[in-house]
């Protein structure tokens, strides 16, 4: 479950203790520099420079074999079709993947550093990337109904209801029920599963910016094309109408299709993850507060949209 680290600062798993000798062994040569990579909240990642002046990312999977296998399979499937990490070595016993380092900064850092024009210029390229992902073949079926049923139970009689409060829980359920047909929109495709500003790597290109890579595919799954869009736009106030229009233009220009009201339908679909987190038995209060704030804004945005229609 991913929320904004600038809000929560909460790691999902502790960092794995990895020695310099272990890093040298997995990259297959003497290293002249190694440093842990900040920003991730789940796995342990190091940036390693070898004696031959090659730079690699070394990722140890704290989430276990399922995450390791999922990312490795997904990176293999998408190689050559999307800007993703290039795998150069795999240690199956230790659950480690070594990939060529992707230079740049996260989209999150770009926005935080105040590069408003750069952030705006990347909306259209992001649309093209997600349109390309929407054309991939699903690796397994996707059924929205059980997810919705579970969410309705949590909103009616679960911890999610008590943490949201009855009025907001009821309002959200009403909006979800009305949006059911649109949340299942589109052909089932491969989905990143945890897409955010934090795992989009961007870099300067001349006087502009480009997307250098989309990283962290360990929770990849299959879903509606709207799922990743909603995840990317979870924090709705970060994307003004011009940004959304540019994103949609890039998406459609790359052959993708979007329904009317796509942004709200996508965010409602993403909201199912927030409901699941709110229903967990234990968790940090700051996470629950963040979820409640996001849901309250989403419900208000949906109501406002309906009023202006």
C-alpha atoms as a PDB file:
ATOM      1  CA  UNK A   1       0.000   0.000   0.000  1.00  0.00           C
ATOM      2  CA  UNK A   2       1.517   3.284  -1.079  1.00  0.00           C
ATOM      3  CA  UNK A   3       0.855   6.723   0.309  1.00  0.00           C
ATOM      4  CA  UNK A   4       2.945   9.843  -0.053  1.00  0.00           C
ATOM      5  CA  UNK A   5       6.198   9.470   1.946  1.00  0.00           C
ATOM      6  CA  UNK A   6       6.285  13.243   2.392  1.00  0.00           C
ATOM      7  CA  UNK A   7       3.101  12.801   4.412  1.00  0.00           C
ATOM      8  CA  UNK A   8       3.595   9.452   6.123  1.00  0.00           C
ATOM      9  CA  UNK A   9       7.360   8.726   6.264  1.00  0.00           C
ATOM     10  CA  UNK A  10       6.416   5.118   7.076  1.00  0.00           C
ATOM     11  CA  UNK A  11       8.459   2.122   5.913  1.00  0.00           C
ATOM     12  CA  UNK A  12       6.581  -1.068   5.163  1.00  0.00           C
ATOM     13  CA  UNK A  13       9.604  -3.305   5.891  1.00  0.00           C
ATOM     14  CA  UNK A  14      12.860  -2.623   7.770  1.00  0.00           C
ATOM     15  CA  UNK A  15      15.988  -2.097   5.696  1.00  0.00           C
ATOM     16  CA  UNK A  16      18.015  -5.239   4.968  1.00  0.00           C
ATOM     17  CA  UNK A  17      21.613  -5.186   6.195  1.00  0.00           C
ATOM     18  CA  UNK A  18      23.792  -5.637   3.082  1.00  0.00           C
ATOM     19  CA  UNK A  19      27.608  -5.535   3.223  1.00  0.00           C
ATOM     20  CA  UNK A  20      29.908  -4.021   0.615  1.00  0.00           C
ATOM     21  CA  UNK A  21      31.312  -7.497  -0.105  1.00  0.00           C
ATOM     22  CA  UNK A  22      27.815  -8.827  -0.773  1.00  0.00           C
ATOM     23  CA  UNK A  23      27.136  -5.986  -3.195  1.00  0.00           C
ATOM     24  CA  UNK A  24      30.412  -6.679  -5.009  1.00  0.00           C
ATOM     25  CA  UNK A  25      29.509 -10.342  -5.305  1.00  0.00           C
ATOM     26  CA  UNK A  26      26.107  -9.760  -6.907  1.00  0.00           C
ATOM     27  CA  UNK A  27      27.385  -7.171  -9.411  1.00  0.00           C
ATOM     28  CA  UNK A  28      30.292  -9.443 -10.316  1.00  0.00           C
ATOM     29  CA  UNK A  29      33.251  -7.146  -9.780  1.00  0.00           C
ATOM     30  CA  UNK A  30      35.098  -4.751  -7.547  1.00  0.00           C
ATOM     31  CA  UNK A  31      33.074  -1.691  -6.541  1.00  0.00           C
ATOM     32  CA  UNK A  32      34.432   1.788  -5.959  1.00  0.00           C
ATOM     33  CA  UNK A  33      31.277   3.322  -4.523  1.00  0.00           C
ATOM     34  CA  UNK A  34      28.073   2.093  -2.923  1.00  0.00           C
ATOM     35  CA  UNK A  35      25.269   3.987  -1.220  1.00  0.00           C
ATOM     36  CA  UNK A  36      21.755   3.168  -0.057  1.00  0.00           C
ATOM     37  CA  UNK A  37      18.961   4.736  -2.068  1.00  0.00           C
ATOM     38  CA  UNK A  38      16.436   6.795  -0.148  1.00  0.00           C
ATOM     39  CA  UNK A  39      12.795   7.162  -1.048  1.00  0.00           C
ATOM     40  CA  UNK A  40      11.616   3.552  -1.191  1.00  0.00           C
ATOM     41  CA  UNK A  41       9.448   2.337   1.670  1.00  0.00           C
ATOM     42  CA  UNK A  42       9.532  -1.420   1.083  1.00  0.00           C
ATOM     43  CA  UNK A  43      12.652  -3.014  -0.390  1.00  0.00           C
ATOM     44  CA  UNK A  44      16.338  -2.222   0.154  1.00  0.00           C
ATOM     45  CA  UNK A  45      18.116  -0.622  -2.814  1.00  0.00           C
ATOM     46  CA  UNK A  46      21.747   0.381  -3.310  1.00  0.00           C
ATOM     47  CA  UNK A  47      23.374   2.418  -6.045  1.00  0.00           C
ATOM     48  CA  UNK A  48      26.675   0.750  -6.905  1.00  0.00           C
ATOM     49  CA  UNK A  49      29.521   1.957  -9.133  1.00  0.00           C
ATOM     50  CA  UNK A  50      32.009  -0.680 -10.291  1.00  0.00           C
ATOM     51  CA  UNK A  51      35.692  -0.451 -11.093  1.00  0.00           C
ATOM     52  CA  UNK A  52      34.780  -0.493 -14.781  1.00  0.00           C
ATOM     53  CA  UNK A  53      32.698   2.666 -14.176  1.00  0.00           C
ATOM     54  CA  UNK A  54      29.326   0.965 -14.639  1.00  0.00           C
ATOM     55  CA  UNK A  55      26.478   2.007 -12.375  1.00  0.00           C
ATOM     56  CA  UNK A  56      23.870  -0.457 -11.158  1.00  0.00           C
ATOM     57  CA  UNK A  57      20.886  -0.581  -8.874  1.00  0.00           C
ATOM     58  CA  UNK A  58      20.914  -3.575  -6.515  1.00  0.00           C
ATOM     59  CA  UNK A  59      17.518  -4.445  -5.092  1.00  0.00           C
ATOM     60  CA  UNK A  60      16.979  -6.827  -2.158  1.00  0.00           C
ATOM     61  CA  UNK A  61      13.347  -7.881  -1.759  1.00  0.00           C
ATOM     62  CA  UNK A  62      12.119  -7.524   1.797  1.00  0.00           C
ATOM     63  CA  UNK A  63       8.641  -8.492   0.600  1.00  0.00           C
ATOM     64  CA  UNK A  64       9.771 -12.036  -0.164  1.00  0.00           C
ATOM     65  CA  UNK A  65       9.738 -14.302  -3.193  1.00  0.00           C
ATOM     66  CA  UNK A  66       6.352 -13.261  -4.545  1.00  0.00           C
ATOM     67  CA  UNK A  67       7.498  -9.673  -5.017  1.00  0.00           C
ATOM     68  CA  UNK A  68      10.833 -10.799  -6.448  1.00  0.00           C
ATOM     69  CA  UNK A  69       9.195 -13.177  -8.938  1.00  0.00           C
ATOM     70  CA  UNK A  70       6.540 -10.638  -9.916  1.00  0.00           C
ATOM     71  CA  UNK A  71       9.015  -7.882 -10.686  1.00  0.00           C
ATOM     72  CA  UNK A  72      11.390 -10.156 -12.558  1.00  0.00           C
ATOM     73  CA  UNK A  73       8.572 -11.565 -14.707  1.00  0.00           C
ATOM     74  CA  UNK A  74       7.126  -8.125 -15.393  1.00  0.00           C
ATOM     75  CA  UNK A  75      10.455  -6.535 -16.328  1.00  0.00           C
ATOM     76  CA  UNK A  76      11.070  -9.440 -18.696  1.00  0.00           C
ATOM     77  CA  UNK A  77       7.633  -9.057 -20.309  1.00  0.00           C
ATOM     78  CA  UNK A  78       7.918  -5.295 -20.747  1.00  0.00           C
ATOM     79  CA  UNK A  79      11.541  -5.141 -21.874  1.00  0.00           C
ATOM     80  CA  UNK A  80      11.810  -3.027 -24.996  1.00  0.00           C
ATOM     81  CA  UNK A  81       8.250  -1.698 -24.819  1.00  0.00           C
ATOM     82  CA  UNK A  82       8.335   0.745 -21.886  1.00  0.00           C
ATOM     83  CA  UNK A  83      11.081   2.757 -20.142  1.00  0.00           C
ATOM     84  CA  UNK A  84      11.800   0.263 -17.356  1.00  0.00           C
ATOM     85  CA  UNK A  85      14.929  -1.036 -15.583  1.00  0.00           C
ATOM     86  CA  UNK A  86      17.157  -3.308 -17.641  1.00  0.00           C
ATOM     87  CA  UNK A  87      17.941  -6.464 -15.674  1.00  0.00           C
ATOM     88  CA  UNK A  88      21.605  -7.505 -15.879  1.00  0.00           C
ATOM     89  CA  UNK A  89      21.858 -10.115 -13.108  1.00  0.00           C
ATOM     90  CA  UNK A  90      19.554 -12.125 -10.852  1.00  0.00           C
ATOM     91  CA  UNK A  91      20.428 -13.901  -7.589  1.00  0.00           C
ATOM     92  CA  UNK A  92      17.498 -16.256  -7.140  1.00  0.00           C
ATOM     93  CA  UNK A  93      18.703 -17.637  -3.818  1.00  0.00           C
ATOM     94  CA  UNK A  94      19.084 -14.238  -2.177  1.00  0.00           C
ATOM     95  CA  UNK A  95      16.123 -12.614  -3.948  1.00  0.00           C
ATOM     96  CA  UNK A  96      18.249  -9.895  -5.547  1.00  0.00           C
ATOM     97  CA  UNK A  97      17.911  -8.178  -8.918  1.00  0.00           C
ATOM     98  CA  UNK A  98      20.706  -6.063 -10.390  1.00  0.00           C
ATOM     99  CA  UNK A  99      19.695  -3.554 -13.058  1.00  0.00           C
ATOM    100  CA  UNK A 100      21.338  -0.730 -14.947  1.00  0.00           C
ATOM    101  CA  UNK A 101      21.004   2.463 -12.971  1.00  0.00           C
ATOM    102  CA  UNK A 102      18.451   4.936 -14.338  1.00  0.00           C
ATOM    103  CA  UNK A 103      19.734   8.497 -14.007  1.00  0.00           C
ATOM    104  CA  UNK A 104      17.414  11.263 -12.885  1.00  0.00           C
ATOM    105  CA  UNK A 105      15.092  12.152 -10.042  1.00  0.00           C
ATOM    106  CA  UNK A 106      11.615  11.035  -9.140  1.00  0.00           C
ATOM    107  CA  UNK A 107       8.604  12.941 -10.381  1.00  0.00           C
ATOM    108  CA  UNK A 108       7.847  13.496  -6.693  1.00  0.00           C
ATOM    109  CA  UNK A 109      11.185  15.244  -6.147  1.00  0.00           C
ATOM    110  CA  UNK A 110      10.738  17.301  -9.311  1.00  0.00           C
ATOM    111  CA  UNK A 111       7.429  18.609  -8.004  1.00  0.00           C
ATOM    112  CA  UNK A 112       8.738  19.190  -4.485  1.00  0.00           C
ATOM    113  CA  UNK A 113      11.659  21.213  -5.838  1.00  0.00           C
ATOM    114  CA  UNK A 114       9.260  23.592  -7.537  1.00  0.00           C
ATOM    115  CA  UNK A 115       9.903  22.721 -11.194  1.00  0.00           C
ATOM    116  CA  UNK A 116       6.364  23.659 -12.161  1.00  0.00           C
ATOM    117  CA  UNK A 117       7.004  23.926 -15.892  1.00  0.00           C
ATOM    118  CA  UNK A 118       8.896  20.631 -15.895  1.00  0.00           C
ATOM    119  CA  UNK A 119       6.131  18.895 -13.992  1.00  0.00           C
ATOM    120  CA  UNK A 120       3.517  20.260 -16.383  1.00  0.00           C
ATOM    121  CA  UNK A 121       5.559  19.220 -19.437  1.00  0.00           C
ATOM    122  CA  UNK A 122       5.619  15.584 -18.305  1.00  0.00           C
ATOM    123  CA  UNK A 123       1.842  15.124 -18.244  1.00  0.00           C
ATOM    124  CA  UNK A 124       1.625  14.293 -21.950  1.00  0.00           C
ATOM    125  CA  UNK A 125       4.564  11.821 -21.925  1.00  0.00           C
ATOM    126  CA  UNK A 126       3.046  10.108 -18.891  1.00  0.00           C
ATOM    127  CA  UNK A 127      -0.179   9.725 -20.826  1.00  0.00           C
ATOM    128  CA  UNK A 128       1.709   8.012 -23.629  1.00  0.00           C
ATOM    129  CA  UNK A 129       3.464   5.637 -21.212  1.00  0.00           C
ATOM    130  CA  UNK A 130       0.196   4.563 -19.604  1.00  0.00           C
ATOM    131  CA  UNK A 131      -1.481   4.184 -22.990  1.00  0.00           C
ATOM    132  CA  UNK A 132       1.322   1.809 -23.994  1.00  0.00           C
ATOM    133  CA  UNK A 133       0.875  -0.159 -20.767  1.00  0.00           C
ATOM    134  CA  UNK A 134      -2.861  -0.432 -21.478  1.00  0.00           C
ATOM    135  CA  UNK A 135      -2.093  -2.341 -24.685  1.00  0.00           C
ATOM    136  CA  UNK A 136      -0.252  -5.145 -22.856  1.00  0.00           C
ATOM    137  CA  UNK A 137      -1.817  -8.570 -22.482  1.00  0.00           C
ATOM    138  CA  UNK A 138      -3.261  -9.472 -19.093  1.00  0.00           C
ATOM    139  CA  UNK A 139      -1.408 -12.301 -17.371  1.00  0.00           C
ATOM    140  CA  UNK A 140      -4.491 -13.360 -15.365  1.00  0.00           C
ATOM    141  CA  UNK A 141      -8.207 -12.489 -15.157  1.00  0.00           C
ATOM    142  CA  UNK A 142      -9.493  -9.379 -13.411  1.00  0.00           C
ATOM    143  CA  UNK A 143     -12.824  -9.349 -11.597  1.00  0.00           C
ATOM    144  CA  UNK A 144     -13.881  -6.089  -9.981  1.00  0.00           C
ATOM    145  CA  UNK A 145     -17.001  -7.482  -8.273  1.00  0.00           C
ATOM    146  CA  UNK A 146     -15.284  -9.221  -5.317  1.00  0.00           C
ATOM    147  CA  UNK A 147     -13.203  -6.099  -4.658  1.00  0.00           C
ATOM    148  CA  UNK A 148     -16.315  -3.939  -4.575  1.00  0.00           C
ATOM    149  CA  UNK A 149     -18.200  -6.398  -2.366  1.00  0.00           C
ATOM    150  CA  UNK A 150     -15.328  -6.440   0.133  1.00  0.00           C
ATOM    151  CA  UNK A 151     -15.198  -2.639   0.121  1.00  0.00           C
ATOM    152  CA  UNK A 152     -18.926  -2.350   0.754  1.00  0.00           C
ATOM    153  CA  UNK A 153     -18.681  -4.667   3.763  1.00  0.00           C
ATOM    154  CA  UNK A 154     -15.800  -2.596   5.167  1.00  0.00           C
ATOM    155  CA  UNK A 155     -17.727   0.617   4.651  1.00  0.00           C
ATOM    156  CA  UNK A 156     -20.912  -0.764   6.239  1.00  0.00           C
ATOM    157  CA  UNK A 157     -19.574  -2.686   9.197  1.00  0.00           C
ATOM    158  CA  UNK A 158     -15.793  -2.598   9.372  1.00  0.00           C
ATOM    159  CA  UNK A 159     -12.912  -0.676  10.842  1.00  0.00           C
ATOM    160  CA  UNK A 160     -12.909   1.446   7.682  1.00  0.00           C
ATOM    161  CA  UNK A 161     -16.364   2.758   8.618  1.00  0.00           C
ATOM    162  CA  UNK A 162     -15.323   3.732  12.131  1.00  0.00           C
ATOM    163  CA  UNK A 163     -12.138   5.430  10.898  1.00  0.00           C
ATOM    164  CA  UNK A 164     -13.938   7.360   8.174  1.00  0.00           C
ATOM    165  CA  UNK A 165     -17.033   8.139  10.187  1.00  0.00           C
ATOM    166  CA  UNK A 166     -20.506   7.011   9.134  1.00  0.00           C
ATOM    167  CA  UNK A 167     -21.403  10.060   6.961  1.00  0.00           C
ATOM    168  CA  UNK A 168     -18.258   9.859   4.828  1.00  0.00           C
ATOM    169  CA  UNK A 169     -18.383   6.048   4.625  1.00  0.00           C
ATOM    170  CA  UNK A 170     -21.985   6.172   3.405  1.00  0.00           C
ATOM    171  CA  UNK A 171     -21.246   8.947   0.916  1.00  0.00           C
ATOM    172  CA  UNK A 172     -18.304   7.007  -0.504  1.00  0.00           C
ATOM    173  CA  UNK A 173     -20.327   3.814  -0.840  1.00  0.00           C
ATOM    174  CA  UNK A 174     -23.031   5.723  -2.715  1.00  0.00           C
ATOM    175  CA  UNK A 175     -20.474   7.097  -5.182  1.00  0.00           C
ATOM    176  CA  UNK A 176     -18.860   3.694  -5.682  1.00  0.00           C
ATOM    177  CA  UNK A 177     -22.202   2.027  -6.391  1.00  0.00           C
ATOM    178  CA  UNK A 178     -23.055   4.695  -8.969  1.00  0.00           C
ATOM    179  CA  UNK A 179     -19.635   4.376 -10.632  1.00  0.00           C
ATOM    180  CA  UNK A 180     -19.449   0.560 -10.802  1.00  0.00           C
ATOM    181  CA  UNK A 181     -19.922   0.298 -14.590  1.00  0.00           C
ATOM    182  CA  UNK A 182     -17.236   2.889 -15.312  1.00  0.00           C
ATOM    183  CA  UNK A 183     -14.632   1.521 -12.882  1.00  0.00           C
ATOM    184  CA  UNK A 184     -14.544  -1.719 -14.879  1.00  0.00           C
ATOM    185  CA  UNK A 185     -14.046   0.216 -18.129  1.00  0.00           C
ATOM    186  CA  UNK A 186     -11.601  -0.965 -20.770  1.00  0.00           C
ATOM    187  CA  UNK A 187      -9.885  -4.184 -21.750  1.00  0.00           C
ATOM    188  CA  UNK A 188      -8.036  -5.928 -18.932  1.00  0.00           C
ATOM    189  CA  UNK A 189      -4.312  -5.254 -19.106  1.00  0.00           C
ATOM    190  CA  UNK A 190      -1.107  -5.478 -17.133  1.00  0.00           C
ATOM    191  CA  UNK A 191      -1.035  -2.942 -14.302  1.00  0.00           C
ATOM    192  CA  UNK A 192       1.899  -1.522 -12.349  1.00  0.00           C
ATOM    193  CA  UNK A 193      -0.141  -1.934  -9.176  1.00  0.00           C
ATOM    194  CA  UNK A 194       1.500   0.866  -7.165  1.00  0.00           C
ATOM    195  CA  UNK A 195       2.090   3.727  -9.577  1.00  0.00           C
ATOM    196  CA  UNK A 196       2.914   7.103  -8.050  1.00  0.00           C
ATOM    197  CA  UNK A 197       5.119  10.135  -8.537  1.00  0.00           C
ATOM    198  CA  UNK A 198       7.690   8.292  -6.433  1.00  0.00           C
ATOM    199  CA  UNK A 199       8.414   5.578  -8.998  1.00  0.00           C
ATOM    200  CA  UNK A 200       8.569   7.644 -12.162  1.00  0.00           C
ATOM    201  CA  UNK A 201      12.167   8.703 -12.893  1.00  0.00           C
ATOM    202  CA  UNK A 202      12.605  11.894 -14.919  1.00  0.00           C
ATOM    203  CA  UNK A 203      15.644  13.772 -16.210  1.00  0.00           C
ATOM    204  CA  UNK A 204      16.523  16.854 -18.185  1.00  0.00           C
ATOM    205  CA  UNK A 205      16.772  16.616 -21.954  1.00  0.00           C
ATOM    206  CA  UNK A 206      18.123  19.844 -23.406  1.00  0.00           C
ATOM    207  CA  UNK A 207      15.903  22.592 -22.067  1.00  0.00           C
ATOM    208  CA  UNK A 208      13.074  20.182 -21.222  1.00  0.00           C
ATOM    209  CA  UNK A 209      12.372  16.996 -19.287  1.00  0.00           C
ATOM    210  CA  UNK A 210      11.823  13.370 -20.235  1.00  0.00           C
ATOM    211  CA  UNK A 211      10.682  10.164 -18.543  1.00  0.00           C
ATOM    212  CA  UNK A 212      13.752   7.965 -18.075  1.00  0.00           C
ATOM    213  CA  UNK A 213      12.067   5.068 -16.332  1.00  0.00           C
ATOM    214  CA  UNK A 214       9.148   3.612 -14.425  1.00  0.00           C
ATOM    215  CA  UNK A 215      10.415   1.513 -11.532  1.00  0.00           C
ATOM    216  CA  UNK A 216       9.153  -0.746  -8.706  1.00  0.00           C
ATOM    217  CA  UNK A 217       7.055  -3.389 -10.469  1.00  0.00           C
ATOM    218  CA  UNK A 218       6.965  -5.893  -7.590  1.00  0.00           C
ATOM    219  CA  UNK A 219       3.199  -5.532  -7.057  1.00  0.00           C
ATOM    220  CA  UNK A 220       2.267  -5.677 -10.751  1.00  0.00           C
ATOM    221  CA  UNK A 221      -1.103  -7.248 -11.445  1.00  0.00           C
ATOM    222  CA  UNK A 222      -3.911  -7.127 -14.004  1.00  0.00           C
ATOM    223  CA  UNK A 223      -6.719  -4.609 -13.908  1.00  0.00           C
ATOM    224  CA  UNK A 224      -8.666  -1.999 -15.810  1.00  0.00           C
ATOM    225  CA  UNK A 225      -6.467   0.592 -17.552  1.00  0.00           C
ATOM    226  CA  UNK A 226      -7.980   3.102 -15.133  1.00  0.00           C
ATOM    227  CA  UNK A 227      -6.318   1.478 -12.117  1.00  0.00           C
ATOM    228  CA  UNK A 228      -2.832   2.882 -12.716  1.00  0.00           C
ATOM    229  CA  UNK A 229      -4.262   6.239 -13.727  1.00  0.00           C
ATOM    230  CA  UNK A 230      -6.144   6.489 -10.446  1.00  0.00           C
ATOM    231  CA  UNK A 231      -3.090   5.418  -8.481  1.00  0.00           C
ATOM    232  CA  UNK A 232      -0.922   8.018 -10.209  1.00  0.00           C
ATOM    233  CA  UNK A 233      -3.500  10.741  -9.543  1.00  0.00           C
ATOM    234  CA  UNK A 234      -4.427   9.727  -6.004  1.00  0.00           C
ATOM    235  CA  UNK A 235      -3.507  13.166  -4.705  1.00  0.00           C
ATOM    236  CA  UNK A 236      -5.990  14.979  -6.909  1.00  0.00           C
ATOM    237  CA  UNK A 237      -4.986  18.528  -6.005  1.00  0.00           C
ATOM    238  CA  UNK A 238      -1.580  18.028  -7.643  1.00  0.00           C
ATOM    239  CA  UNK A 239      -3.033  17.852 -11.148  1.00  0.00           C
ATOM    240  CA  UNK A 240      -4.770  20.969 -12.424  1.00  0.00           C
ATOM    241  CA  UNK A 241      -7.148  20.927 -15.424  1.00  0.00           C
ATOM    242  CA  UNK A 242      -4.348  21.804 -17.866  1.00  0.00           C
ATOM    243  CA  UNK A 243      -2.222  18.893 -16.558  1.00  0.00           C
ATOM    244  CA  UNK A 244      -5.147  16.474 -16.886  1.00  0.00           C
ATOM    245  CA  UNK A 245      -5.900  17.711 -20.407  1.00  0.00           C
ATOM    246  CA  UNK A 246      -2.271  17.237 -21.460  1.00  0.00           C
ATOM    247  CA  UNK A 247      -2.196  13.748 -19.944  1.00  0.00           C
ATOM    248  CA  UNK A 248      -5.379  12.778 -21.793  1.00  0.00           C
ATOM    249  CA  UNK A 249      -3.997  14.194 -25.043  1.00  0.00           C
ATOM    250  CA  UNK A 250      -0.837  12.095 -24.716  1.00  0.00           C
ATOM    251  CA  UNK A 251      -2.867   9.011 -23.828  1.00  0.00           C
ATOM    252  CA  UNK A 252      -5.213   9.340 -26.789  1.00  0.00           C
ATOM    253  CA  UNK A 253      -2.452  10.427 -29.161  1.00  0.00           C
ATOM    254  CA  UNK A 254      -0.699   7.132 -28.403  1.00  0.00           C
ATOM    255  CA  UNK A 255      -3.815   5.178 -29.371  1.00  0.00           C
ATOM    256  CA  UNK A 256      -5.426   4.893 -25.939  1.00  0.00           C
ATOM    257  CA  UNK A 257      -9.064   5.544 -25.192  1.00  0.00           C
ATOM    258  CA  UNK A 258     -10.512   7.282 -22.146  1.00  0.00           C
ATOM    259  CA  UNK A 259     -14.169   7.569 -21.126  1.00  0.00           C
ATOM    260  CA  UNK A 260     -15.810  10.840 -20.148  1.00  0.00           C
ATOM    261  CA  UNK A 261     -15.070  11.551 -16.494  1.00  0.00           C
ATOM    262  CA  UNK A 262     -12.044   9.217 -16.600  1.00  0.00           C
ATOM    263  CA  UNK A 263     -10.128  11.013 -13.846  1.00  0.00           C
ATOM    264  CA  UNK A 264     -12.848  10.598 -11.225  1.00  0.00           C
ATOM    265  CA  UNK A 265     -13.651   6.997 -12.232  1.00  0.00           C
ATOM    266  CA  UNK A 266      -9.959   6.145 -11.987  1.00  0.00           C
ATOM    267  CA  UNK A 267      -9.595   7.738  -8.562  1.00  0.00           C
ATOM    268  CA  UNK A 268     -12.687   5.899  -7.304  1.00  0.00           C
ATOM    269  CA  UNK A 269     -11.165   2.629  -8.484  1.00  0.00           C
ATOM    270  CA  UNK A 270      -7.932   3.484  -6.679  1.00  0.00           C
ATOM    271  CA  UNK A 271      -9.989   4.301  -3.589  1.00  0.00           C
ATOM    272  CA  UNK A 272     -10.622   0.588  -3.059  1.00  0.00           C
ATOM    273  CA  UNK A 273      -7.004   0.321  -1.900  1.00  0.00           C
ATOM    274  CA  UNK A 274      -7.529   3.132   0.594  1.00  0.00           C
ATOM    275  CA  UNK A 275     -10.580   1.368   2.013  1.00  0.00           C
ATOM    276  CA  UNK A 276      -8.587  -1.832   2.426  1.00  0.00           C
ATOM    277  CA  UNK A 277      -5.856   0.011   4.306  1.00  0.00           C
ATOM    278  CA  UNK A 278      -8.390   1.736   6.554  1.00  0.00           C
ATOM    279  CA  UNK A 279      -9.823  -1.646   7.488  1.00  0.00           C
ATOM    280  CA  UNK A 280      -6.533  -3.120   8.704  1.00  0.00           C
ATOM    281  CA  UNK A 281      -6.455  -4.140  12.340  1.00  0.00           C
ATOM    282  CA  UNK A 282      -3.262  -2.243  13.069  1.00  0.00           C
ATOM    283  CA  UNK A 283      -1.525   0.663  11.382  1.00  0.00           C
ATOM    284  CA  UNK A 284      -0.144   4.127  11.840  1.00  0.00           C
ATOM    285  CA  UNK A 285      -2.705   6.795  12.610  1.00  0.00           C
ATOM    286  CA  UNK A 286      -0.978   9.139  10.162  1.00  0.00           C
ATOM    287  CA  UNK A 287      -1.760   6.661   7.361  1.00  0.00           C
ATOM    288  CA  UNK A 288      -5.400   6.455   8.370  1.00  0.00           C
ATOM    289  CA  UNK A 289      -5.632  10.259   8.566  1.00  0.00           C
ATOM    290  CA  UNK A 290      -4.095  10.584   5.100  1.00  0.00           C
ATOM    291  CA  UNK A 291      -6.588   8.074   3.678  1.00  0.00           C
ATOM    292  CA  UNK A 292      -9.507   9.903   5.227  1.00  0.00           C
ATOM    293  CA  UNK A 293      -8.350  13.240   3.816  1.00  0.00           C
ATOM    294  CA  UNK A 294      -7.950  11.756   0.331  1.00  0.00           C
ATOM    295  CA  UNK A 295     -11.367  10.101   0.425  1.00  0.00           C
ATOM    296  CA  UNK A 296     -13.096  13.239   1.678  1.00  0.00           C
ATOM    297  CA  UNK A 297     -11.590  15.252  -1.179  1.00  0.00           C
ATOM    298  CA  UNK A 298     -12.512  12.600  -3.733  1.00  0.00           C
ATOM    299  CA  UNK A 299     -16.144  12.446  -2.590  1.00  0.00           C
ATOM    300  CA  UNK A 300     -16.312  16.242  -2.714  1.00  0.00           C
ATOM    301  CA  UNK A 301     -14.781  16.295  -6.210  1.00  0.00           C
ATOM    302  CA  UNK A 302     -17.310  13.720  -7.464  1.00  0.00           C
ATOM    303  CA  UNK A 303     -20.217  15.663  -5.969  1.00  0.00           C
ATOM    304  CA  UNK A 304     -18.884  18.910  -7.470  1.00  0.00           C
ATOM    305  CA  UNK A 305     -18.567  17.271 -10.871  1.00  0.00           C
ATOM    306  CA  UNK A 306     -22.109  16.007 -10.735  1.00  0.00           C
ATOM    307  CA  UNK A 307     -23.362  19.466  -9.781  1.00  0.00           C
ATOM    308  CA  UNK A 308     -21.608  21.108 -12.718  1.00  0.00           C
ATOM    309  CA  UNK A 309     -22.735  18.510 -15.261  1.00  0.00           C
END
